[in-house]
Amino acid sequence: MELKLIERENKYYIQFAQLEKYINQANSQASWLAQQLGGGMS
């Protein structure tokens, strides 16, 4: 029982880490695009 919970937690942790990576990439692209358009994100 406990092992299944640990496996599930690990799976969610990995998915969350991937999601965070994609969000960071999207933020970087948005910042770059804003600079290209002559604006700033801040």
Foldseek 3Di string as FASTA:
>chain_A
DVVVVVVVVVVVVVVVVVVVVVVVVVVVVVQVVCVVVVHGPD
